[in-house]
């Protein structure tokens, strides 16, 4: 639910993070490959959300305290980099799983 001060994109991003966390919750009882993928997915959407918040905060923060904008822009860039690295990790895991499943089938 959004308040009048929240933008729809922030509310939507929060919903995505909440949903990703909810997907992890039942998997915590039975750790395994599905839990790892769900945790990485959650980290991915969380870092994307962080990058968006930092980007939104940069202009008003810089207006309020000149010079902070550059630091916040760099932080947003690093959060976006984190997301890209996590997505790459998810793809590598999926590929390794597919290869292992294929090898198991052929034996």
Protein backbone atom coordinates (compact mmCIF):
# COMPACT_ATOMS: atom_id res chain seq x y z
CA UNK A 1 0.00 0.00 0.00
CA UNK A 2 1.40 3.35 -0.94
CA UNK A 3 1.25 6.56 1.00
CA UNK A 4 0.81 9.86 -0.82
CA UNK A 5 4.60 10.40 -0.56
CA UNK A 6 5.62 7.13 -2.23
CA UNK A 7 5.99 6.89 -5.95
CA UNK A 8 4.31 3.92 -7.65
CA UNK A 9 7.72 2.63 -8.77
CA UNK A 10 8.96 2.47 -5.17
CA UNK A 11 5.81 0.71 -4.04
CA UNK A 12 6.10 -1.76 -6.93
CA UNK A 13 9.77 -2.40 -6.13
CA UNK A 14 8.91 -3.00 -2.48
CA UNK A 15 6.25 -5.50 -3.55
CA UNK A 16 8.80 -7.36 -5.69
CA UNK A 17 11.24 -7.53 -2.76
CA UNK A 18 8.47 -8.74 -0.44
CA UNK A 19 7.44 -11.44 -2.92
CA UNK A 20 11.03 -12.62 -3.34
CA UNK A 21 11.44 -12.88 0.44
CA UNK A 22 8.18 -14.81 0.69
CA UNK A 23 9.48 -17.32 -1.88
CA UNK A 24 12.52 -17.92 0.35
CA UNK A 25 10.58 -18.45 3.55
CA UNK A 26 9.26 -22.00 2.94
CA UNK A 27 12.58 -23.07 1.46
CA UNK A 28 14.48 -22.19 4.63
CA UNK A 29 13.08 -25.35 6.25
CA UNK A 30 14.60 -27.54 3.53
CA UNK A 31 17.86 -26.01 2.33
CA UNK A 32 19.03 -27.01 -1.10
CA UNK A 33 19.49 -25.73 -4.64
CA UNK A 34 16.04 -24.12 -4.72
CA UNK A 35 16.83 -22.13 -1.59
CA UNK A 36 20.10 -20.90 -3.05
CA UNK A 37 18.37 -19.73 -6.22
CA UNK A 38 15.59 -18.05 -4.22
CA UNK A 39 18.12 -16.30 -1.98
CA UNK A 40 20.09 -15.05 -4.99
CA UNK A 41 16.87 -13.88 -6.62
CA UNK A 42 15.97 -12.01 -3.44
CA UNK A 43 19.42 -10.42 -3.30
CA UNK A 44 19.04 -9.41 -6.95
CA UNK A 45 15.71 -7.63 -6.50
CA UNK A 46 16.91 -6.08 -3.25
CA UNK A 47 20.01 -4.62 -4.90
CA UNK A 48 17.88 -3.31 -7.77
CA UNK A 49 15.56 -1.68 -5.24
CA UNK A 50 18.57 -0.18 -3.42
CA UNK A 51 19.93 1.26 -6.67
CA UNK A 52 16.55 2.82 -7.45
CA UNK A 53 16.24 4.38 -3.99
CA UNK A 54 19.74 5.82 -4.21
CA UNK A 55 19.05 7.28 -7.64
CA UNK A 56 15.83 8.86 -6.37
CA UNK A 57 17.56 10.25 -3.27
CA UNK A 58 20.51 11.78 -5.10
CA UNK A 59 18.98 15.04 -6.42
CA UNK A 60 17.23 16.12 -3.21
CA UNK A 61 20.19 15.05 -1.06
CA UNK A 62 22.58 17.02 -3.24
CA UNK A 63 20.30 20.05 -3.07
CA UNK A 64 20.16 19.71 0.71
CA UNK A 65 23.87 19.02 1.18
CA UNK A 66 25.93 19.93 -1.90
CA UNK A 67 28.56 17.35 -2.80
CA UNK A 68 26.67 14.29 -1.61
CA UNK A 69 25.21 13.64 -5.04
CA UNK A 70 28.44 12.23 -6.44
CA UNK A 71 28.81 9.76 -3.57
CA UNK A 72 25.19 8.67 -3.88
CA UNK A 73 25.52 8.27 -7.65
CA UNK A 74 28.55 6.02 -7.10
CA UNK A 75 26.65 4.00 -4.49
CA UNK A 76 23.75 3.58 -6.94
CA UNK A 77 26.19 2.43 -9.63
CA UNK A 78 27.68 -0.14 -7.25
CA UNK A 79 24.22 -1.41 -6.32
CA UNK A 80 23.39 -1.79 -10.01
CA UNK A 81 26.69 -3.63 -10.54
CA UNK A 82 25.78 -5.96 -7.69
CA UNK A 83 22.50 -6.79 -9.40
CA UNK A 84 24.26 -7.57 -12.69
CA UNK A 85 26.76 -9.86 -10.94
CA UNK A 86 23.95 -11.67 -9.12
CA UNK A 87 22.05 -12.21 -12.36
CA UNK A 88 25.23 -13.62 -13.92
CA UNK A 89 25.58 -15.95 -10.92
CA UNK A 90 22.00 -17.15 -11.35
CA UNK A 91 22.63 -17.86 -15.02
CA UNK A 92 25.82 -19.76 -14.24
CA UNK A 93 24.00 -21.83 -11.62
CA UNK A 94 21.20 -22.65 -14.05
CA UNK A 95 23.72 -23.68 -16.69
CA UNK A 96 25.67 -25.87 -14.28
CA UNK A 97 22.44 -27.49 -13.10
CA UNK A 98 21.36 -28.20 -16.69
CA UNK A 99 24.75 -29.72 -17.53
CA UNK A 100 24.69 -31.90 -14.40
CA UNK A 101 21.15 -33.06 -15.17
CA UNK A 102 22.13 -33.89 -18.75
CA UNK A 103 25.20 -35.84 -17.62
CA UNK A 104 23.11 -37.77 -15.10
CA UNK A 105 20.62 -38.69 -17.85
CA UNK A 106 23.29 -40.03 -20.17
CA UNK A 107 24.89 -42.29 -17.55
